Amino acid sequence: MAEHPHVALVRRIQQAMSAGDLATLEQMYTRDCVVYLPGDHPLAGEHKGRDAVLNVARRMHEETKGTLRLEPPQLFTDGRGHVIVLNRLTAERRGRRHDAARAVNFTIVGDQIAAIEVYEPDLDHANQFWAEP
C-alpha cells in the first residue's frame, strides 16, 4: 500500500531537518507558516513566516554543529491535512546531550507545511539543553 502523501511530505521534512538541508525545507513550507517550540530557551516561542522558520532551523543546526537528528519517526495522519509524529531528537551542544522522545503536530495545506507544533516530554531538560551558556 502506498504511503499517504501527507505522511510522505512530513517524512521528507524530517529527513531534510536531520540533514540540515535548508534548500529543501524552504520548498516545503508555506510563505506564512508558523512553528511553535515550547519552553523558555532562546529558540522557544512562535516563529511566523518561512524566513523565521528557516532561521530557527538554521540556528538549531549551527548550535548543534550538525549533530541534530530526528529518528525514527512514527507518523499518523487523519487524511485531512494533519500528521502527528512521534520521534526521538538527539543532538549535542556545548558539552550537553539531548536525547528525548517527543511529539510534533504538522498542519498541511496543499502540498506544503503550514504549521508545526512541538511537544516535549521534559521542558526543563529542553530548556537546559538550548539555554545560553
N, C-alpha and C. Protein backbone atom coordinates (compact mmCIF):
# COMPACT_ATOMS: atom_id res chain seq x y z
N MET A 1 0.83 -1.18 0.00
CA MET A 1 0.00 0.00 0.00
C MET A 1 0.88 1.25 0.00
N ALA A 2 0.53 2.21 -0.82
CA ALA A 2 1.32 3.44 -0.94
C ALA A 2 1.16 4.31 0.30
N GLU A 3 2.23 5.01 0.64
CA GLU A 3 2.20 5.92 1.78
C GLU A 3 1.35 7.14 1.45
N HIS A 4 0.55 7.60 2.40
CA HIS A 4 -0.28 8.78 2.20
C HIS A 4 0.62 9.97 1.87
N PRO A 5 0.24 10.86 0.93
CA PRO A 5 1.09 11.98 0.53
C PRO A 5 1.47 12.91 1.69
N HIS A 6 0.57 13.09 2.66
CA HIS A 6 0.91 13.94 3.81
C HIS A 6 1.99 13.30 4.68
N VAL A 7 1.90 12.00 4.84
CA VAL A 7 2.93 11.28 5.61
C VAL A 7 4.26 11.35 4.87
N ALA A 8 4.23 11.16 3.56
CA ALA A 8 5.46 11.22 2.76
C ALA A 8 6.10 12.62 2.85
N LEU A 9 5.27 13.66 2.82
CA LEU A 9 5.78 15.04 2.94
C LEU A 9 6.47 15.25 4.28
N VAL A 10 5.83 14.82 5.36
CA VAL A 10 6.42 15.01 6.68
C VAL A 10 7.67 14.16 6.85
N ARG A 11 7.68 12.98 6.27
CA ARG A 11 8.89 12.15 6.33
C ARG A 11 10.06 12.87 5.64
N ARG A 12 9.78 13.52 4.49
CA ARG A 12 10.83 14.28 3.80
C ARG A 12 11.29 15.48 4.63
N ILE A 13 10.35 16.12 5.32
CA ILE A 13 10.71 17.25 6.20
C ILE A 13 11.65 16.76 7.31
N GLN A 14 11.33 15.64 7.93
CA GLN A 14 12.15 15.09 9.00
C GLN A 14 13.57 14.77 8.48
N GLN A 15 13.65 14.20 7.29
CA GLN A 15 14.95 13.87 6.70
C GLN A 15 15.74 15.13 6.38
N ALA A 16 15.07 16.14 5.81
CA ALA A 16 15.76 17.38 5.47
C ALA A 16 16.23 18.11 6.73
N MET A 17 15.42 18.09 7.78
CA MET A 17 15.82 18.73 9.04
C MET A 17 17.04 18.03 9.63
N SER A 18 17.05 16.71 9.63
CA SER A 18 18.20 15.96 10.16
C SER A 18 19.46 16.24 9.35
N ALA A 19 19.29 16.45 8.04
CA ALA A 19 20.44 16.70 7.16
C ALA A 19 20.85 18.17 7.13
N GLY A 20 20.03 19.04 7.74
CA GLY A 20 20.33 20.47 7.68
C GLY A 20 20.14 21.03 6.28
N ASP A 21 19.26 20.43 5.51
CA ASP A 21 19.02 20.79 4.12
C ASP A 21 17.99 21.92 4.04
N LEU A 22 18.44 23.16 4.23
CA LEU A 22 17.55 24.31 4.25
C LEU A 22 16.90 24.58 2.90
N ALA A 23 17.58 24.28 1.81
CA ALA A 23 17.00 24.49 0.49
C ALA A 23 15.76 23.63 0.29
N THR A 24 15.83 22.38 0.72
CA THR A 24 14.66 21.50 0.63
C THR A 24 13.57 21.97 1.57
N LEU A 25 13.94 22.34 2.80
CA LEU A 25 12.95 22.81 3.76
C LEU A 25 12.21 24.04 3.22
N GLU A 26 12.93 24.94 2.58
CA GLU A 26 12.32 26.17 2.07
C GLU A 26 11.18 25.86 1.10
N GLN A 27 11.33 24.84 0.30
CA GLN A 27 10.30 24.46 -0.68
C GLN A 27 9.08 23.82 -0.02
N MET A 28 9.25 23.31 1.20
CA MET A 28 8.20 22.54 1.84
C MET A 28 7.29 23.37 2.74
N TYR A 29 7.68 24.60 3.06
CA TYR A 29 6.89 25.46 3.95
C TYR A 29 6.06 26.46 3.16
N THR A 30 4.85 26.75 3.63
CA THR A 30 4.09 27.84 3.06
C THR A 30 4.79 29.15 3.42
N ARG A 31 4.50 30.20 2.67
CA ARG A 31 5.12 31.50 2.93
C ARG A 31 4.79 32.01 4.33
N ASP A 32 3.57 31.71 4.82
CA ASP A 32 3.13 32.21 6.12
C ASP A 32 3.10 31.13 7.20
N CYS A 33 3.92 30.10 7.05
CA CYS A 33 3.93 29.00 8.02
C CYS A 33 4.31 29.51 9.42
N VAL A 34 3.91 28.72 10.41
CA VAL A 34 4.18 29.05 11.81
C VAL A 34 4.72 27.81 12.49
N VAL A 35 5.79 27.98 13.26
CA VAL A 35 6.34 26.90 14.06
C VAL A 35 6.35 27.35 15.52
N TYR A 36 5.86 26.47 16.40
CA TYR A 36 5.87 26.76 17.83
C TYR A 36 6.76 25.75 18.54
N LEU A 37 7.77 26.27 19.22
CA LEU A 37 8.68 25.45 20.04
C LEU A 37 8.44 25.80 21.51
N PRO A 38 8.10 24.82 22.34
CA PRO A 38 7.77 25.11 23.73
C PRO A 38 9.03 25.38 24.56
N GLY A 39 8.85 26.03 25.68
CA GLY A 39 9.93 26.24 26.62
C GLY A 39 10.25 27.70 26.85
N ASP A 40 11.35 27.90 27.59
CA ASP A 40 11.82 29.24 27.94
C ASP A 40 13.23 29.51 27.45
N HIS A 41 13.68 28.79 26.47
CA HIS A 41 15.03 28.95 25.95
C HIS A 41 15.03 29.91 24.77
N PRO A 42 16.20 30.32 24.27
CA PRO A 42 16.26 31.32 23.19
C PRO A 42 15.57 30.92 21.88
N LEU A 43 15.41 29.64 21.60
CA LEU A 43 14.75 29.22 20.37
C LEU A 43 13.24 28.98 20.55
N ALA A 44 12.77 29.05 21.80
CA ALA A 44 11.37 28.77 22.09
C ALA A 44 10.47 29.89 21.58
N GLY A 45 9.21 29.55 21.41
CA GLY A 45 8.22 30.54 21.04
C GLY A 45 7.65 30.28 19.67
N GLU A 46 6.90 31.27 19.20
CA GLU A 46 6.23 31.17 17.92
C GLU A 46 7.08 31.86 16.85
N HIS A 47 7.36 31.13 15.79
CA HIS A 47 8.16 31.64 14.67
C HIS A 47 7.23 31.72 13.47
N LYS A 48 6.98 32.95 13.00
CA LYS A 48 5.98 33.17 11.94
C LYS A 48 6.66 33.53 10.63
N GLY A 49 6.24 32.85 9.57
CA GLY A 49 6.75 33.11 8.24
C GLY A 49 7.90 32.19 7.88
N ARG A 50 8.01 31.91 6.59
CA ARG A 50 9.03 30.97 6.10
C ARG A 50 10.44 31.38 6.52
N ASP A 51 10.77 32.67 6.42
CA ASP A 51 12.12 33.12 6.78
C ASP A 51 12.42 32.86 8.25
N ALA A 52 11.47 33.14 9.12
CA ALA A 52 11.67 32.91 10.56
C ALA A 52 11.82 31.42 10.87
N VAL A 53 11.02 30.61 10.19
CA VAL A 53 11.08 29.16 10.40
C VAL A 53 12.42 28.61 9.91
N LEU A 54 12.87 29.04 8.76
CA LEU A 54 14.16 28.60 8.25
C LEU A 54 15.29 29.09 9.14
N ASN A 55 15.15 30.29 9.69
CA ASN A 55 16.19 30.82 10.58
C ASN A 55 16.32 29.96 11.84
N VAL A 56 15.21 29.54 12.42
CA VAL A 56 15.31 28.71 13.62
C VAL A 56 15.90 27.34 13.28
N ALA A 57 15.56 26.79 12.11
CA ALA A 57 16.16 25.51 11.69
C ALA A 57 17.66 25.67 11.49
N ARG A 58 18.06 26.76 10.86
CA ARG A 58 19.49 27.04 10.65
C ARG A 58 20.21 27.17 11.99
N ARG A 59 19.61 27.91 12.92
CA ARG A 59 20.23 28.09 14.23
C ARG A 59 20.37 26.77 14.98
N MET A 60 19.36 25.92 14.89
CA MET A 60 19.43 24.62 15.56
C MET A 60 20.60 23.79 15.02
N HIS A 61 20.80 23.83 13.72
CA HIS A 61 21.90 23.06 13.13
C HIS A 61 23.25 23.69 13.45
N GLU A 62 23.33 24.99 13.42
CA GLU A 62 24.59 25.65 13.78
C GLU A 62 24.94 25.39 15.24
N GLU A 63 23.95 25.54 16.12
CA GLU A 63 24.18 25.35 17.56
C GLU A 63 24.62 23.92 17.89
N THR A 64 24.12 22.95 17.12
CA THR A 64 24.45 21.55 17.40
C THR A 64 25.56 21.02 16.49
N LYS A 65 26.12 21.92 15.70
CA LYS A 65 27.20 21.55 14.77
C LYS A 65 26.83 20.33 13.92
N GLY A 66 25.58 20.31 13.49
CA GLY A 66 25.12 19.25 12.59
C GLY A 66 24.81 17.92 13.24
N THR A 67 24.79 17.86 14.57
CA THR A 67 24.52 16.59 15.25
C THR A 67 23.04 16.32 15.45
N LEU A 68 22.18 17.28 15.17
CA LEU A 68 20.74 17.12 15.38
C LEU A 68 20.18 16.04 14.46
N ARG A 69 19.47 15.08 15.05
CA ARG A 69 18.84 14.00 14.29
C ARG A 69 17.43 13.78 14.82
N LEU A 70 16.51 13.50 13.90
CA LEU A 70 15.13 13.15 14.23
C LEU A 70 14.89 11.73 13.77
N GLU A 71 14.85 10.79 14.71
CA GLU A 71 14.74 9.37 14.35
C GLU A 71 13.96 8.63 15.41
N PRO A 72 13.54 7.45 15.20
CA PRO A 72 12.90 7.04 13.96
C PRO A 72 11.46 7.52 14.03
N PRO A 73 10.97 8.17 13.03
CA PRO A 73 9.63 8.73 13.14
C PRO A 73 8.52 7.69 13.02
N GLN A 74 7.52 7.84 13.86
CA GLN A 74 6.26 7.13 13.69
C GLN A 74 5.27 8.21 13.26
N LEU A 75 4.61 8.02 12.15
CA LEU A 75 3.75 9.05 11.58
C LEU A 75 2.31 8.56 11.50
N PHE A 76 1.39 9.46 11.87
CA PHE A 76 -0.03 9.16 11.86
C PHE A 76 -0.75 10.31 11.16
N THR A 77 -1.68 10.00 10.27
CA THR A 77 -2.42 11.06 9.57
C THR A 77 -3.92 10.86 9.74
N ASP A 78 -4.63 11.98 9.63
CA ASP A 78 -6.09 11.91 9.61
C ASP A 78 -6.61 12.04 8.19
N GLY A 79 -5.71 12.25 7.22
CA GLY A 79 -6.11 12.38 5.83
C GLY A 79 -6.76 13.71 5.51
N ARG A 80 -6.80 14.62 6.48
CA ARG A 80 -7.44 15.92 6.29
C ARG A 80 -6.46 17.07 6.52
N GLY A 81 -5.17 16.80 6.35
CA GLY A 81 -4.19 17.86 6.49
C GLY A 81 -3.45 17.89 7.81
N HIS A 82 -3.52 16.81 8.58
CA HIS A 82 -2.79 16.76 9.85
C HIS A 82 -1.97 15.48 9.93
N VAL A 83 -0.74 15.62 10.40
CA VAL A 83 0.12 14.47 10.65
C VAL A 83 0.73 14.65 12.03
N ILE A 84 0.63 13.62 12.84
CA ILE A 84 1.27 13.59 14.15
C ILE A 84 2.50 12.70 14.03
N VAL A 85 3.62 13.20 14.55
CA VAL A 85 4.87 12.45 14.50
C VAL A 85 5.34 12.19 15.93
N LEU A 86 5.73 10.97 16.19
CA LEU A 86 6.45 10.63 17.41
C LEU A 86 7.86 10.29 16.96
N ASN A 87 8.84 11.01 17.50
CA ASN A 87 10.22 10.75 17.10
C ASN A 87 11.15 10.96 18.28
N ARG A 88 12.39 10.70 18.05
CA ARG A 88 13.43 10.92 19.05
C ARG A 88 14.37 11.97 18.48
N LEU A 89 14.56 13.06 19.23
CA LEU A 89 15.52 14.08 18.85
C LEU A 89 16.80 13.84 19.63
N THR A 90 17.89 13.69 18.90
CA THR A 90 19.20 13.60 19.55
C THR A 90 20.07 14.73 19.00
N ALA A 91 20.88 15.30 19.87
CA ALA A 91 21.79 16.37 19.47
C ALA A 91 22.81 16.59 20.57
N GLU A 92 23.92 17.20 20.18
CA GLU A 92 24.95 17.60 21.15
C GLU A 92 25.21 19.09 20.97
N ARG A 93 25.39 19.76 22.10
CA ARG A 93 25.60 21.21 22.07
C ARG A 93 26.35 21.64 23.32
N ARG A 94 27.50 22.26 23.11
CA ARG A 94 28.29 22.84 24.20
C ARG A 94 28.50 21.87 25.37
N GLY A 95 28.85 20.64 25.02
CA GLY A 95 29.13 19.62 26.04
C GLY A 95 27.89 18.99 26.64
N ARG A 96 26.72 19.34 26.15
CA ARG A 96 25.47 18.75 26.64
C ARG A 96 24.88 17.86 25.57
N ARG A 97 24.14 16.87 26.00
CA ARG A 97 23.49 15.94 25.07
C ARG A 97 21.99 15.97 25.31
N HIS A 98 21.24 16.00 24.22
CA HIS A 98 19.77 15.94 24.30
C HIS A 98 19.35 14.65 23.60
N ASP A 99 18.56 13.87 24.27
CA ASP A 99 18.06 12.61 23.71
C ASP A 99 16.68 12.40 24.30
N ALA A 100 15.66 12.76 23.55
CA ALA A 100 14.31 12.69 24.09
C ALA A 100 13.30 12.36 23.00
N ALA A 101 12.34 11.54 23.38
CA ALA A 101 11.19 11.31 22.51
C ALA A 101 10.31 12.54 22.59
N ARG A 102 9.62 12.84 21.50
CA ARG A 102 8.72 14.00 21.51
C ARG A 102 7.64 13.81 20.47
N ALA A 103 6.65 14.65 20.53
CA ALA A 103 5.54 14.61 19.58
C ALA A 103 5.52 15.92 18.81
N VAL A 104 5.16 15.83 17.54
CA VAL A 104 5.09 17.01 16.68
C VAL A 104 3.80 16.92 15.87
N ASN A 105 3.05 18.02 15.84
CA ASN A 105 1.82 18.10 15.08
C ASN A 105 2.05 18.99 13.86
N PHE A 106 1.86 18.44 12.67
CA PHE A 106 2.02 19.17 11.42
C PHE A 106 0.65 19.45 10.82
N THR A 107 0.47 20.67 10.32
CA THR A 107 -0.72 21.03 9.56
C THR A 107 -0.27 21.29 8.13
N ILE A 108 -0.95 20.65 7.19
CA ILE A 108 -0.57 20.71 5.78
C ILE A 108 -1.68 21.38 4.98
N VAL A 109 -1.26 22.32 4.13
CA VAL A 109 -2.19 22.98 3.22
C VAL A 109 -1.64 22.74 1.81
N GLY A 110 -2.46 22.12 0.97
CA GLY A 110 -1.98 21.76 -0.36
C GLY A 110 -0.89 20.71 -0.21
N ASP A 111 0.29 21.04 -0.70
CA ASP A 111 1.41 20.11 -0.58
C ASP A 111 2.56 20.74 0.21
N GLN A 112 2.22 21.66 1.15
CA GLN A 112 3.24 22.32 1.97
C GLN A 112 2.83 22.33 3.43
N ILE A 113 3.81 22.53 4.29
CA ILE A 113 3.59 22.61 5.73
C ILE A 113 3.18 24.04 6.08
N ALA A 114 2.03 24.18 6.75
CA ALA A 114 1.53 25.49 7.16
C ALA A 114 1.79 25.76 8.64
N ALA A 115 1.89 24.71 9.46
CA ALA A 115 2.12 24.90 10.89
C ALA A 115 2.75 23.65 11.49
N ILE A 116 3.60 23.91 12.50
CA ILE A 116 4.23 22.82 13.25
C ILE A 116 4.17 23.20 14.72
N GLU A 117 3.69 22.27 15.55
CA GLU A 117 3.70 22.44 16.99
C GLU A 117 4.48 21.29 17.60
N VAL A 118 5.47 21.62 18.42
CA VAL A 118 6.33 20.61 19.05
C VAL A 118 5.91 20.46 20.51
N TYR A 119 5.89 19.21 20.99
CA TYR A 119 5.55 18.88 22.37
C TYR A 119 6.70 18.10 22.98
N GLU A 120 7.25 18.62 24.06
CA GLU A 120 8.39 17.98 24.73
C GLU A 120 7.91 17.22 25.97
N PRO A 121 8.49 16.07 26.26
CA PRO A 121 8.11 15.35 27.47
C PRO A 121 8.74 15.95 28.73
N ASP A 122 9.84 16.68 28.58
CA ASP A 122 10.55 17.25 29.72
C ASP A 122 11.04 18.66 29.33
N LEU A 123 10.21 19.66 29.60
CA LEU A 123 10.56 21.03 29.22
C LEU A 123 11.82 21.52 29.93
N ASP A 124 12.02 21.10 31.17
CA ASP A 124 13.22 21.54 31.90
C ASP A 124 14.48 21.07 31.18
N HIS A 125 14.48 19.82 30.72
CA HIS A 125 15.65 19.29 30.01
C HIS A 125 15.87 20.04 28.70
N ALA A 126 14.79 20.28 27.95
CA ALA A 126 14.90 21.02 26.69
C ALA A 126 15.41 22.43 26.95
N ASN A 127 14.89 23.08 27.99
CA ASN A 127 15.35 24.44 28.32
C ASN A 127 16.83 24.45 28.66
N GLN A 128 17.29 23.48 29.43
CA GLN A 128 18.70 23.41 29.80
C GLN A 128 19.58 23.17 28.58
N PHE A 129 19.13 22.31 27.69
CA PHE A 129 19.92 21.99 26.51
C PHE A 129 20.10 23.21 25.60
N TRP A 130 19.01 23.95 25.36
CA TRP A 130 19.05 25.07 24.43
C TRP A 130 19.41 26.39 25.10
N ALA A 131 19.61 26.41 26.42
CA ALA A 131 19.92 27.65 27.13
C ALA A 131 21.26 28.21 26.71
N GLU A 132 21.38 29.53 26.82
CA GLU A 132 22.66 30.18 26.57
C GLU A 132 23.63 29.73 27.66
N PRO A 133 24.93 29.78 27.35
CA PRO A 133 25.92 29.30 28.34
C PRO A 133 25.92 30.10 29.62
